[in-house]
N, C-alpha and C. Protein backbone atom coordinates (compact mmCIF):
# COMPACT_ATOMS: atom_id res chain seq x y z
N UNK A 1 -44.71 -51.36 -28.42
CA UNK A 1 -45.01 -50.97 -27.04
C UNK A 1 -45.40 -49.49 -27.05
N UNK A 2 -46.49 -49.17 -26.38
CA UNK A 2 -46.98 -47.78 -26.39
C UNK A 2 -46.11 -46.89 -25.53
N UNK A 3 -46.25 -45.59 -25.76
CA UNK A 3 -45.46 -44.61 -24.98
C UNK A 3 -45.82 -44.67 -23.53
N UNK A 4 -47.05 -45.00 -23.21
CA UNK A 4 -47.46 -45.07 -21.79
C UNK A 4 -46.76 -46.19 -21.07
N UNK A 5 -46.49 -47.30 -21.73
CA UNK A 5 -45.78 -48.42 -21.11
C UNK A 5 -44.27 -48.16 -21.10
N UNK A 6 -43.76 -47.32 -22.03
CA UNK A 6 -42.34 -47.03 -22.04
C UNK A 6 -41.91 -46.06 -20.93
N UNK A 7 -42.87 -45.30 -20.40
CA UNK A 7 -42.49 -44.24 -19.44
C UNK A 7 -41.74 -44.76 -18.23
N UNK A 8 -42.25 -45.78 -17.50
CA UNK A 8 -41.46 -46.26 -16.34
C UNK A 8 -40.12 -46.85 -16.73
N UNK A 9 -40.03 -47.46 -17.90
CA UNK A 9 -38.75 -48.03 -18.32
C UNK A 9 -37.72 -46.94 -18.57
N UNK A 10 -38.16 -45.82 -19.17
CA UNK A 10 -37.23 -44.73 -19.43
C UNK A 10 -36.73 -44.12 -18.13
N UNK A 11 -37.63 -43.96 -17.17
CA UNK A 11 -37.21 -43.39 -15.89
C UNK A 11 -36.19 -44.28 -15.21
N UNK A 12 -36.43 -45.61 -15.22
CA UNK A 12 -35.50 -46.55 -14.58
C UNK A 12 -34.15 -46.55 -15.27
N UNK A 13 -34.14 -46.46 -16.59
CA UNK A 13 -32.86 -46.47 -17.31
C UNK A 13 -32.08 -45.19 -17.06
N UNK A 14 -32.77 -44.07 -17.02
CA UNK A 14 -32.08 -42.82 -16.74
C UNK A 14 -31.46 -42.84 -15.35
N UNK A 15 -32.15 -43.44 -14.39
CA UNK A 15 -31.63 -43.48 -13.02
C UNK A 15 -30.43 -44.38 -12.89
N UNK A 16 -30.31 -45.42 -13.69
CA UNK A 16 -29.20 -46.39 -13.58
C UNK A 16 -28.12 -46.12 -14.59
N UNK A 17 -28.18 -44.96 -15.27
CA UNK A 17 -27.10 -44.64 -16.22
C UNK A 17 -27.29 -45.24 -17.57
N UNK A 18 -28.40 -45.79 -17.88
CA UNK A 18 -28.59 -46.40 -19.21
C UNK A 18 -29.32 -45.54 -20.17
N UNK A 19 -29.32 -44.23 -19.90
CA UNK A 19 -30.07 -43.34 -20.78
C UNK A 19 -29.51 -43.29 -22.17
N UNK A 20 -28.19 -43.48 -22.33
CA UNK A 20 -27.58 -43.42 -23.66
C UNK A 20 -28.07 -44.52 -24.55
N UNK A 21 -28.20 -45.76 -23.95
CA UNK A 21 -28.67 -46.88 -24.76
C UNK A 21 -30.10 -46.71 -25.17
N UNK A 22 -30.91 -46.13 -24.29
CA UNK A 22 -32.33 -45.94 -24.63
C UNK A 22 -32.47 -44.94 -25.75
N UNK A 23 -31.65 -43.82 -25.60
CA UNK A 23 -31.70 -42.81 -26.65
C UNK A 23 -31.32 -43.39 -27.98
N UNK A 24 -30.32 -44.32 -28.01
CA UNK A 24 -29.89 -44.93 -29.26
C UNK A 24 -30.96 -45.82 -29.83
N UNK A 25 -31.68 -46.55 -28.93
CA UNK A 25 -32.67 -47.51 -29.42
C UNK A 25 -33.96 -46.84 -29.81
N UNK A 26 -34.23 -45.63 -29.29
CA UNK A 26 -35.48 -44.94 -29.60
C UNK A 26 -35.27 -43.75 -30.50
N UNK A 27 -34.11 -43.62 -31.14
CA UNK A 27 -33.77 -42.47 -31.97
C UNK A 27 -34.43 -42.55 -33.32
N UNK A 28 -33.76 -41.96 -34.29
CA UNK A 28 -34.30 -41.85 -35.65
C UNK A 28 -34.26 -43.15 -36.39
N UNK A 29 -33.63 -44.15 -35.84
CA UNK A 29 -33.57 -45.45 -36.49
C UNK A 29 -32.31 -45.69 -37.24
N UNK A 30 -31.37 -44.75 -37.18
CA UNK A 30 -30.12 -44.91 -37.91
C UNK A 30 -29.21 -45.89 -37.22
N UNK A 31 -29.32 -46.04 -35.93
CA UNK A 31 -28.45 -46.98 -35.22
C UNK A 31 -29.24 -48.20 -34.88
N UNK A 32 -28.65 -49.36 -35.03
CA UNK A 32 -29.32 -50.64 -34.75
C UNK A 32 -29.18 -50.96 -33.30
N UNK A 33 -30.21 -51.60 -32.74
CA UNK A 33 -30.18 -52.01 -31.33
C UNK A 33 -29.17 -53.10 -31.15
N UNK A 34 -28.51 -53.10 -30.00
CA UNK A 34 -27.51 -54.12 -29.70
C UNK A 34 -28.18 -55.45 -29.58
N UNK A 35 -27.56 -56.52 -30.12
CA UNK A 35 -28.17 -57.87 -30.06
C UNK A 35 -28.21 -58.36 -28.63
N UNK A 36 -29.30 -59.05 -28.35
CA UNK A 36 -29.47 -59.64 -27.01
C UNK A 36 -28.85 -61.01 -26.98
N UNK A 37 -28.23 -61.36 -25.87
CA UNK A 37 -27.64 -62.71 -25.76
C UNK A 37 -28.74 -63.76 -25.85
N UNK A 38 -28.42 -64.86 -26.48
CA UNK A 38 -29.38 -65.95 -26.68
C UNK A 38 -29.06 -67.10 -25.76
N UNK A 39 -30.10 -67.73 -25.28
CA UNK A 39 -29.93 -68.92 -24.45
C UNK A 39 -31.07 -69.86 -24.77
N UNK A 40 -30.70 -70.96 -25.33
CA UNK A 40 -31.71 -71.95 -25.69
C UNK A 40 -32.53 -71.52 -26.85
N UNK A 41 -32.00 -70.60 -27.69
CA UNK A 41 -32.69 -70.23 -28.90
C UNK A 41 -33.75 -69.18 -28.70
N UNK A 42 -33.99 -68.70 -27.49
CA UNK A 42 -35.02 -67.67 -27.26
C UNK A 42 -34.36 -66.39 -26.78
N UNK A 43 -34.88 -65.25 -27.23
CA UNK A 43 -34.31 -63.95 -26.86
C UNK A 43 -34.96 -63.46 -25.60
N UNK A 44 -34.15 -62.81 -24.75
CA UNK A 44 -34.65 -62.22 -23.51
C UNK A 44 -34.40 -60.72 -23.51
N UNK A 45 -35.28 -60.04 -22.90
CA UNK A 45 -35.12 -58.58 -22.76
C UNK A 45 -34.01 -58.28 -21.76
N UNK A 46 -33.33 -57.14 -21.91
CA UNK A 46 -32.26 -56.81 -20.94
C UNK A 46 -32.80 -56.77 -19.53
N UNK A 47 -31.98 -57.32 -18.60
CA UNK A 47 -32.39 -57.36 -17.18
C UNK A 47 -32.34 -55.96 -16.60
N UNK A 48 -33.42 -55.51 -16.05
CA UNK A 48 -33.48 -54.20 -15.43
C UNK A 48 -34.57 -54.24 -14.38
N UNK A 49 -34.44 -53.34 -13.47
CA UNK A 49 -35.40 -53.29 -12.37
C UNK A 49 -36.65 -52.59 -12.86
N UNK A 50 -37.73 -53.32 -12.88
CA UNK A 50 -39.02 -52.78 -13.27
C UNK A 50 -39.81 -52.45 -12.01
N UNK A 51 -40.32 -51.26 -11.97
CA UNK A 51 -41.11 -50.83 -10.83
C UNK A 51 -42.51 -50.48 -11.31
N UNK A 52 -43.47 -50.78 -10.52
CA UNK A 52 -44.84 -50.42 -10.92
C UNK A 52 -44.95 -48.92 -11.04
N UNK A 53 -45.71 -48.50 -12.04
CA UNK A 53 -45.81 -47.07 -12.32
C UNK A 53 -47.26 -46.68 -12.30
N UNK A 54 -47.49 -45.58 -11.62
CA UNK A 54 -48.84 -45.02 -11.60
C UNK A 54 -48.73 -43.57 -11.98
N UNK A 55 -49.83 -43.00 -12.40
CA UNK A 55 -49.85 -41.58 -12.77
C UNK A 55 -49.53 -40.74 -11.54
N UNK A 56 -48.59 -39.86 -11.69
CA UNK A 56 -48.19 -39.00 -10.58
C UNK A 56 -47.17 -39.64 -9.66
N UNK A 57 -46.71 -40.90 -9.95
CA UNK A 57 -45.74 -41.59 -9.10
C UNK A 57 -44.34 -41.33 -9.62
N UNK A 58 -43.42 -40.95 -8.72
CA UNK A 58 -42.03 -40.67 -9.08
C UNK A 58 -41.19 -41.87 -8.71
N UNK A 59 -40.38 -42.34 -9.63
CA UNK A 59 -39.52 -43.49 -9.37
C UNK A 59 -38.15 -42.96 -8.96
N UNK A 60 -37.72 -43.34 -7.75
CA UNK A 60 -36.42 -42.89 -7.25
C UNK A 60 -35.32 -43.73 -7.82
N UNK A 61 -34.13 -43.19 -8.02
CA UNK A 61 -33.00 -44.00 -8.51
C UNK A 61 -32.67 -45.10 -7.51
N UNK A 62 -32.01 -46.16 -8.04
CA UNK A 62 -31.67 -47.32 -7.19
C UNK A 62 -30.75 -46.95 -6.06
N UNK A 63 -29.83 -46.02 -6.26
CA UNK A 63 -28.88 -45.62 -5.22
C UNK A 63 -29.39 -44.53 -4.31
N UNK A 64 -30.67 -44.12 -4.47
CA UNK A 64 -31.19 -43.02 -3.65
C UNK A 64 -30.92 -41.69 -4.32
N UNK A 65 -31.53 -40.67 -3.82
CA UNK A 65 -31.33 -39.34 -4.37
C UNK A 65 -29.91 -38.87 -4.10
N UNK A 66 -29.28 -38.38 -5.18
CA UNK A 66 -27.93 -37.85 -5.02
C UNK A 66 -28.02 -36.39 -4.62
N UNK A 67 -27.18 -35.97 -3.74
CA UNK A 67 -27.20 -34.57 -3.30
C UNK A 67 -26.17 -34.38 -2.20
N UNK A 68 -25.88 -33.13 -1.89
CA UNK A 68 -24.88 -32.88 -0.83
C UNK A 68 -25.38 -33.33 0.53
N UNK A 69 -24.46 -33.90 1.32
CA UNK A 69 -24.82 -34.36 2.66
C UNK A 69 -25.02 -33.16 3.56
N UNK A 70 -26.11 -33.18 4.32
CA UNK A 70 -26.44 -32.09 5.24
C UNK A 70 -26.15 -32.57 6.65
N UNK A 71 -25.20 -31.94 7.33
CA UNK A 71 -24.83 -32.33 8.70
C UNK A 71 -25.72 -31.59 9.68
N UNK A 72 -26.10 -32.29 10.72
CA UNK A 72 -26.93 -31.66 11.76
C UNK A 72 -26.10 -30.62 12.50
N UNK A 73 -26.71 -29.48 12.68
CA UNK A 73 -26.00 -28.39 13.37
C UNK A 73 -25.83 -28.75 14.83
N UNK A 74 -24.62 -28.61 15.39
CA UNK A 74 -24.42 -28.94 16.82
C UNK A 74 -25.14 -27.92 17.68
N UNK A 75 -25.57 -28.33 18.85
CA UNK A 75 -26.23 -27.38 19.76
C UNK A 75 -25.25 -26.32 20.22
N UNK A 76 -25.78 -25.08 20.32
CA UNK A 76 -24.93 -23.98 20.76
C UNK A 76 -24.69 -24.07 22.25
N UNK A 77 -23.62 -23.40 22.70
CA UNK A 77 -23.31 -23.39 24.14
C UNK A 77 -22.30 -24.45 24.48
N UNK A 78 -21.73 -24.43 25.68
CA UNK A 78 -20.74 -25.42 26.11
C UNK A 78 -21.34 -26.79 26.30
N UNK A 79 -20.46 -27.79 26.38
CA UNK A 79 -20.93 -29.15 26.59
C UNK A 79 -21.68 -29.26 27.89
N UNK A 80 -22.82 -29.96 27.82
CA UNK A 80 -23.61 -30.15 29.02
C UNK A 80 -24.66 -29.09 29.24
N UNK A 81 -24.65 -27.99 28.41
CA UNK A 81 -25.65 -26.95 28.58
C UNK A 81 -26.88 -27.31 27.78
N UNK A 82 -27.97 -26.69 28.09
CA UNK A 82 -29.22 -26.97 27.41
C UNK A 82 -29.15 -26.46 25.99
N UNK A 83 -29.81 -27.15 25.01
CA UNK A 83 -29.78 -26.69 23.62
C UNK A 83 -30.35 -25.29 23.52
N UNK A 84 -29.70 -24.46 22.71
CA UNK A 84 -30.19 -23.11 22.52
C UNK A 84 -29.66 -22.10 23.50
N UNK A 85 -28.93 -22.54 24.54
CA UNK A 85 -28.39 -21.60 25.53
C UNK A 85 -27.18 -20.90 24.95
N UNK A 86 -27.03 -19.58 25.18
CA UNK A 86 -25.89 -18.85 24.58
C UNK A 86 -24.56 -19.26 25.17
N UNK A 87 -23.56 -19.25 24.31
CA UNK A 87 -22.20 -19.59 24.77
C UNK A 87 -21.64 -18.46 25.59
N UNK A 88 -20.85 -18.75 26.64
CA UNK A 88 -20.27 -17.68 27.46
C UNK A 88 -19.27 -16.86 26.68
N UNK A 89 -19.24 -15.58 26.92
CA UNK A 89 -18.30 -14.68 26.26
C UNK A 89 -16.92 -14.83 26.88
N UNK A 90 -15.91 -14.89 26.04
CA UNK A 90 -14.54 -15.06 26.53
C UNK A 90 -14.14 -13.88 27.38
N UNK A 91 -13.53 -14.17 28.51
CA UNK A 91 -13.05 -13.13 29.39
C UNK A 91 -14.09 -12.58 30.34
N UNK A 92 -15.29 -13.14 30.32
CA UNK A 92 -16.35 -12.66 31.21
C UNK A 92 -16.41 -13.55 32.43
N UNK A 93 -16.22 -12.99 33.60
CA UNK A 93 -16.26 -13.77 34.84
C UNK A 93 -17.70 -14.02 35.22
N UNK A 94 -18.00 -15.19 35.80
CA UNK A 94 -19.37 -15.46 36.24
C UNK A 94 -19.78 -14.50 37.33
N UNK A 95 -21.01 -14.07 37.21
CA UNK A 95 -21.53 -13.13 38.21
C UNK A 95 -22.02 -13.86 39.43
N UNK A 96 -21.83 -13.27 40.58
CA UNK A 96 -22.31 -13.85 41.83
C UNK A 96 -23.33 -12.91 42.43
N UNK A 97 -24.26 -13.48 43.16
CA UNK A 97 -25.28 -12.62 43.76
C UNK A 97 -24.68 -11.60 44.69
N UNK A 98 -25.17 -10.41 44.55
CA UNK A 98 -24.65 -9.35 45.40
C UNK A 98 -25.08 -9.54 46.84
N UNK A 99 -24.17 -9.17 47.72
CA UNK A 99 -24.43 -9.31 49.15
C UNK A 99 -24.62 -7.93 49.75
N UNK A 100 -25.76 -7.73 50.41
CA UNK A 100 -26.04 -6.43 51.02
C UNK A 100 -25.14 -6.24 52.24
N UNK A 101 -24.60 -5.03 52.43
CA UNK A 101 -23.75 -4.79 53.60
C UNK A 101 -24.54 -4.93 54.89
N UNK A 102 -23.91 -5.57 55.85
CA UNK A 102 -24.57 -5.80 57.13
C UNK A 102 -24.53 -4.51 57.96
N UNK A 103 -25.62 -4.25 58.63
CA UNK A 103 -25.71 -3.07 59.48
C UNK A 103 -25.77 -3.53 60.93
N UNK A 104 -24.85 -3.01 61.74
CA UNK A 104 -24.80 -3.38 63.14
C UNK A 104 -25.40 -2.25 63.98
N UNK A 105 -26.10 -2.65 65.01
CA UNK A 105 -26.73 -1.67 65.90
C UNK A 105 -25.67 -1.08 66.83
N UNK A 106 -25.56 0.24 66.90
CA UNK A 106 -24.55 0.84 67.79
C UNK A 106 -24.89 0.55 69.25
N UNK A 107 -23.87 0.43 70.09
CA UNK A 107 -24.13 0.14 71.50
C UNK A 107 -24.87 1.29 72.18
N UNK A 108 -25.64 0.94 73.18
CA UNK A 108 -26.38 1.96 73.93
C UNK A 108 -25.41 2.84 74.71
N UNK A 109 -25.69 4.12 74.83
CA UNK A 109 -24.78 5.01 75.58
C UNK A 109 -24.71 4.63 77.05
N UNK A 110 -23.52 4.77 77.62
CA UNK A 110 -23.29 4.47 79.03
C UNK A 110 -23.29 5.79 79.82
N UNK A 111 -24.30 5.96 80.68
CA UNK A 111 -24.40 7.20 81.47
C UNK A 111 -24.62 6.91 82.96
N UNK A 112 -24.47 5.66 83.35
CA UNK A 112 -24.65 5.29 84.76
C UNK A 112 -23.37 4.66 85.30
N UNK A 113 -23.11 4.94 86.56
CA UNK A 113 -21.93 4.37 87.22
C UNK A 113 -22.21 4.27 88.72
N UNK A 114 -21.38 3.45 89.36
CA UNK A 114 -21.44 3.32 90.82
C UNK A 114 -20.16 3.88 91.42
N UNK A 115 -20.25 4.34 92.68
CA UNK A 115 -19.07 4.86 93.40
C UNK A 115 -18.99 4.19 94.75
N UNK A 116 -17.86 3.58 95.04
CA UNK A 116 -17.63 2.91 96.33
C UNK A 116 -16.75 3.81 97.20
N UNK A 117 -17.29 4.22 98.35
CA UNK A 117 -16.57 5.14 99.27
C UNK A 117 -16.02 4.35 100.45
N UNK A 118 -14.81 4.70 100.81
CA UNK A 118 -14.16 4.06 101.96
C UNK A 118 -13.10 5.02 102.50
N UNK A 119 -12.51 4.69 103.65
CA UNK A 119 -11.45 5.55 104.20
C UNK A 119 -10.11 5.16 103.53
N UNK A 120 -9.52 5.98 102.77
CA UNK A 120 -9.96 7.22 102.19
C UNK A 120 -9.80 7.07 100.67
N UNK A 121 -10.77 6.40 100.05
CA UNK A 121 -10.72 6.11 98.61
C UNK A 121 -12.11 6.32 98.01
N UNK A 122 -12.08 6.60 96.71
CA UNK A 122 -13.30 6.62 95.88
C UNK A 122 -13.00 5.77 94.64
N UNK A 123 -13.83 4.77 94.44
CA UNK A 123 -13.64 3.91 93.26
C UNK A 123 -14.91 3.90 92.43
N UNK A 124 -14.79 4.27 91.15
CA UNK A 124 -15.93 4.27 90.22
C UNK A 124 -16.02 2.93 89.49
N UNK A 125 -17.23 2.44 89.32
CA UNK A 125 -17.41 1.19 88.55
C UNK A 125 -17.20 1.43 87.05
N UNK A 126 -17.40 2.65 86.58
CA UNK A 126 -17.08 3.04 85.20
C UNK A 126 -16.38 4.39 85.26
N UNK A 127 -15.25 4.48 84.64
CA UNK A 127 -14.50 5.74 84.65
C UNK A 127 -14.70 6.54 83.36
N UNK A 128 -15.39 5.96 82.36
CA UNK A 128 -15.69 6.65 81.10
C UNK A 128 -17.19 6.54 80.85
N UNK A 129 -17.87 7.67 80.68
CA UNK A 129 -19.29 7.71 80.41
C UNK A 129 -19.56 8.59 79.19
N UNK A 130 -20.76 8.42 78.63
CA UNK A 130 -21.15 9.21 77.47
C UNK A 130 -21.82 10.51 77.91
N UNK A 131 -21.67 11.53 77.11
CA UNK A 131 -22.23 12.84 77.44
C UNK A 131 -23.75 12.76 77.53
N UNK A 132 -24.30 13.57 78.37
CA UNK A 132 -25.73 13.56 78.59
C UNK A 132 -26.04 13.61 80.08
N UNK A 133 -27.19 13.08 80.45
CA UNK A 133 -27.59 13.06 81.86
C UNK A 133 -26.88 11.90 82.57
N UNK A 134 -25.94 12.23 83.42
CA UNK A 134 -25.14 11.23 84.13
C UNK A 134 -25.79 10.92 85.47
N UNK A 135 -25.74 9.64 85.84
CA UNK A 135 -26.28 9.19 87.14
C UNK A 135 -25.23 8.35 87.85
N UNK A 136 -24.88 8.75 89.08
CA UNK A 136 -23.89 8.02 89.87
C UNK A 136 -24.50 7.70 91.23
N UNK A 137 -24.45 6.42 91.58
CA UNK A 137 -24.95 5.97 92.89
C UNK A 137 -23.74 5.68 93.79
N UNK A 138 -23.63 6.41 94.90
CA UNK A 138 -22.49 6.27 95.83
C UNK A 138 -22.92 5.44 97.03
N UNK A 139 -22.08 4.45 97.39
CA UNK A 139 -22.33 3.57 98.55
C UNK A 139 -21.16 3.73 99.53
N UNK A 140 -21.49 3.97 100.80
CA UNK A 140 -20.47 4.18 101.82
C UNK A 140 -20.16 2.84 102.48
N UNK A 141 -18.94 2.32 102.18
CA UNK A 141 -18.50 1.06 102.78
C UNK A 141 -17.57 1.32 103.97
N UNK A 142 -17.36 2.60 104.32
CA UNK A 142 -16.43 2.91 105.42
C UNK A 142 -17.12 2.96 106.78
N UNK A 143 -16.31 3.41 107.76
CA UNK A 143 -16.79 3.53 109.14
C UNK A 143 -17.25 4.97 109.45
N UNK A 144 -16.84 5.93 108.64
CA UNK A 144 -17.18 7.33 108.87
C UNK A 144 -18.20 7.79 107.82
N UNK A 145 -18.75 8.96 108.07
CA UNK A 145 -19.63 9.55 107.06
C UNK A 145 -18.80 10.14 105.91
N UNK A 146 -19.37 10.10 104.77
CA UNK A 146 -18.71 10.66 103.57
C UNK A 146 -19.79 11.29 102.68
N UNK A 147 -19.34 12.01 101.68
CA UNK A 147 -20.25 12.47 100.63
C UNK A 147 -19.57 12.23 99.27
N UNK A 148 -20.31 12.50 98.20
CA UNK A 148 -19.74 12.38 96.84
C UNK A 148 -20.03 13.69 96.13
N UNK A 149 -18.96 14.31 95.65
CA UNK A 149 -19.05 15.60 94.97
C UNK A 149 -18.40 15.49 93.60
N UNK A 150 -19.04 16.14 92.59
CA UNK A 150 -18.50 16.15 91.21
C UNK A 150 -18.27 17.61 90.83
N UNK A 151 -17.05 17.90 90.37
CA UNK A 151 -16.73 19.27 89.94
C UNK A 151 -15.93 19.23 88.65
N UNK A 152 -15.95 20.40 87.97
CA UNK A 152 -15.15 20.53 86.75
C UNK A 152 -14.59 21.95 86.72
N UNK A 153 -13.28 22.00 86.60
CA UNK A 153 -12.56 23.29 86.58
C UNK A 153 -12.89 24.13 87.82
N UNK A 154 -12.99 23.48 88.98
CA UNK A 154 -13.24 24.17 90.24
C UNK A 154 -14.69 24.49 90.50
N UNK A 155 -15.60 24.15 89.58
CA UNK A 155 -17.03 24.42 89.76
C UNK A 155 -17.75 23.14 90.13
N UNK A 156 -18.47 23.14 91.25
CA UNK A 156 -19.20 21.95 91.67
C UNK A 156 -20.41 21.76 90.77
N UNK A 157 -20.54 20.55 90.22
CA UNK A 157 -21.67 20.23 89.34
C UNK A 157 -22.76 19.46 90.05
N UNK A 158 -22.37 18.63 91.05
CA UNK A 158 -23.38 17.86 91.79
C UNK A 158 -22.78 17.40 93.12
N UNK A 159 -23.67 17.18 94.13
CA UNK A 159 -23.22 16.71 95.45
C UNK A 159 -24.37 15.90 96.08
N UNK A 160 -23.95 14.81 96.82
CA UNK A 160 -24.97 13.93 97.42
C UNK A 160 -25.37 14.41 98.81
N UNK A 161 -24.55 15.07 99.50
CA UNK A 161 -24.77 15.29 100.94
C UNK A 161 -24.16 14.13 101.71
N UNK A 162 -24.23 14.19 103.04
CA UNK A 162 -23.61 13.15 103.88
C UNK A 162 -24.28 11.80 103.67
N UNK A 163 -23.40 10.77 103.62
CA UNK A 163 -23.89 9.39 103.46
C UNK A 163 -23.41 8.61 104.67
N UNK A 164 -24.34 8.05 105.40
CA UNK A 164 -24.01 7.26 106.59
C UNK A 164 -23.36 5.95 106.18
N UNK A 165 -22.58 5.35 107.12
CA UNK A 165 -21.98 4.05 106.81
C UNK A 165 -23.05 3.03 106.40
N UNK A 166 -22.76 2.23 105.40
CA UNK A 166 -23.62 1.19 104.84
C UNK A 166 -24.88 1.78 104.19
N UNK A 167 -24.80 3.03 103.84
CA UNK A 167 -25.93 3.66 103.14
C UNK A 167 -25.48 4.10 101.74
N UNK A 168 -26.44 4.54 100.93
CA UNK A 168 -26.10 5.00 99.57
C UNK A 168 -27.02 6.14 99.16
N UNK A 169 -26.53 6.97 98.25
CA UNK A 169 -27.28 8.06 97.67
C UNK A 169 -26.90 8.20 96.20
N UNK A 170 -27.83 8.81 95.41
CA UNK A 170 -27.61 8.97 93.97
C UNK A 170 -27.62 10.44 93.60
N UNK A 171 -26.70 10.82 92.75
CA UNK A 171 -26.67 12.18 92.22
C UNK A 171 -26.79 12.14 90.69
N UNK A 172 -27.32 13.19 90.10
CA UNK A 172 -27.43 13.30 88.63
C UNK A 172 -26.98 14.68 88.20
N UNK A 173 -26.45 14.76 87.00
CA UNK A 173 -26.06 16.05 86.42
C UNK A 173 -25.89 15.87 84.91
N UNK A 174 -26.02 16.94 84.19
CA UNK A 174 -25.84 16.91 82.74
C UNK A 174 -24.38 17.23 82.43
N UNK A 175 -23.74 16.33 81.73
CA UNK A 175 -22.31 16.47 81.47
C UNK A 175 -22.04 16.58 79.98
N UNK A 176 -21.12 17.43 79.64
CA UNK A 176 -20.59 17.53 78.29
C UNK A 176 -19.22 16.87 78.28
N UNK A 177 -18.69 16.56 77.10
CA UNK A 177 -17.38 15.89 77.06
C UNK A 177 -16.30 16.67 77.80
N UNK A 178 -15.52 15.93 78.55
CA UNK A 178 -14.45 16.55 79.31
C UNK A 178 -14.05 15.69 80.50
N UNK A 179 -13.21 16.24 81.40
CA UNK A 179 -12.72 15.53 82.58
C UNK A 179 -13.33 16.15 83.83
N UNK A 180 -13.82 15.25 84.72
CA UNK A 180 -14.48 15.69 85.95
C UNK A 180 -13.77 15.08 87.16
N UNK A 181 -13.78 15.85 88.27
CA UNK A 181 -13.22 15.36 89.53
C UNK A 181 -14.35 14.85 90.40
N UNK A 182 -14.17 13.61 90.92
CA UNK A 182 -15.15 12.99 91.80
C UNK A 182 -14.45 12.77 93.15
N UNK A 183 -15.01 13.30 94.24
CA UNK A 183 -14.27 13.26 95.52
C UNK A 183 -15.24 13.42 96.69
N UNK A 184 -14.66 13.23 97.90
CA UNK A 184 -15.37 13.48 99.16
C UNK A 184 -14.94 14.88 99.65
N UNK A 185 -15.94 15.74 99.88
CA UNK A 185 -15.63 17.15 100.18
C UNK A 185 -15.82 17.55 101.64
N UNK A 186 -16.10 16.60 102.55
CA UNK A 186 -16.39 16.98 103.94
C UNK A 186 -15.12 17.41 104.67
N UNK A 187 -15.37 18.07 105.80
CA UNK A 187 -14.29 18.55 106.67
C UNK A 187 -13.38 19.50 105.91
N UNK A 188 -14.01 20.36 105.11
CA UNK A 188 -13.29 21.38 104.34
C UNK A 188 -12.21 20.79 103.44
N UNK A 189 -12.51 19.62 102.89
CA UNK A 189 -11.60 19.01 101.93
C UNK A 189 -10.54 18.15 102.56
N UNK A 190 -10.69 17.85 103.90
CA UNK A 190 -9.67 17.03 104.55
C UNK A 190 -9.63 15.63 103.96
N UNK A 191 -10.82 15.04 103.66
CA UNK A 191 -10.82 13.69 103.07
C UNK A 191 -10.26 13.74 101.64
N UNK A 192 -10.55 14.82 100.95
CA UNK A 192 -10.00 14.97 99.58
C UNK A 192 -8.47 15.05 99.65
N UNK A 193 -7.99 15.82 100.61
CA UNK A 193 -6.54 15.94 100.75
C UNK A 193 -5.90 14.61 101.15
N UNK A 194 -6.68 13.75 101.81
CA UNK A 194 -6.16 12.43 102.23
C UNK A 194 -6.14 11.44 101.08
N UNK A 195 -6.61 11.83 99.90
CA UNK A 195 -6.57 10.96 98.73
C UNK A 195 -7.90 10.38 98.35
N UNK A 196 -9.01 10.92 98.93
CA UNK A 196 -10.34 10.36 98.63
C UNK A 196 -10.93 11.08 97.39
N UNK A 197 -10.36 10.78 96.22
CA UNK A 197 -10.81 11.40 94.98
C UNK A 197 -10.42 10.50 93.79
N UNK A 198 -11.05 10.77 92.64
CA UNK A 198 -10.76 10.04 91.39
C UNK A 198 -11.21 10.92 90.22
N UNK A 199 -11.03 10.40 89.03
CA UNK A 199 -11.34 11.19 87.80
C UNK A 199 -12.37 10.45 86.96
N UNK A 200 -13.34 11.20 86.42
CA UNK A 200 -14.35 10.67 85.49
C UNK A 200 -14.17 11.35 84.14
N UNK A 201 -14.14 10.56 83.09
CA UNK A 201 -14.03 11.09 81.71
C UNK A 201 -15.37 10.96 81.00
N UNK A 202 -15.84 12.04 80.46
CA UNK A 202 -17.11 12.06 79.69
C UNK A 202 -16.74 12.26 78.23
N UNK A 203 -17.25 11.37 77.37
CA UNK A 203 -16.91 11.45 75.94
C UNK A 203 -18.10 11.90 75.10
C-alpha cells in the first residue's frame, strides 16, 4: 500500500488511540504484526472507521475536538436589564429629576379703602393699607353733615370737606408706614369728641 493511501488511515488511528499499533506495524520490522482473527479461513483487516480523504482535508477525531469548555459570558448588569448596560454601583441612590422651585406672584398692594360715616361712628372697610398713595372714599349714611379728616401726630394730612347725607367724597394722600387718625372734624371737634373716629395702619 502506498504512502498516499496510508495517510487517512494513520490520521484515523491516531484520533482513536491506535497510534501505538500503527507505529509498531510500520516500524523497522523488528516487531511482528498482531495476527488477525480468522473466520471461515479468510483474513480480514482490523475494523476501523475509514473516511474519504482529499488533499487539504482534515479528519476530525471520532469524539470531536478535545479542548477546554468555553462558557458564554453572562450579560452585564442586573437581571432584566439590556445586555451591555452597566451594573449599578453599590450604595448609589437612584437619581430623580430635579424640580425647579415654584415662584409665586406677590399680592398687589392694598392702598384703597372705604369709610362709612354715621352718627357718631367712622368705620373703615380696610384698617391696614400699604404705604404709597392712599385713596379713601367716604360715604355719609347719617342724618347730619359730616366730613372725613386724616391726621398723623396732630398734623392733618387730608380732608374731604362737608359731605351731605347719602353723599360721598374721596380723599387721597401719600402715606408712609405708621398709624393715622381718621375722624370727623366738624363743629370744632365735637363729633370727634363724641366718638366719631378710628385708626388706620399703614405698613
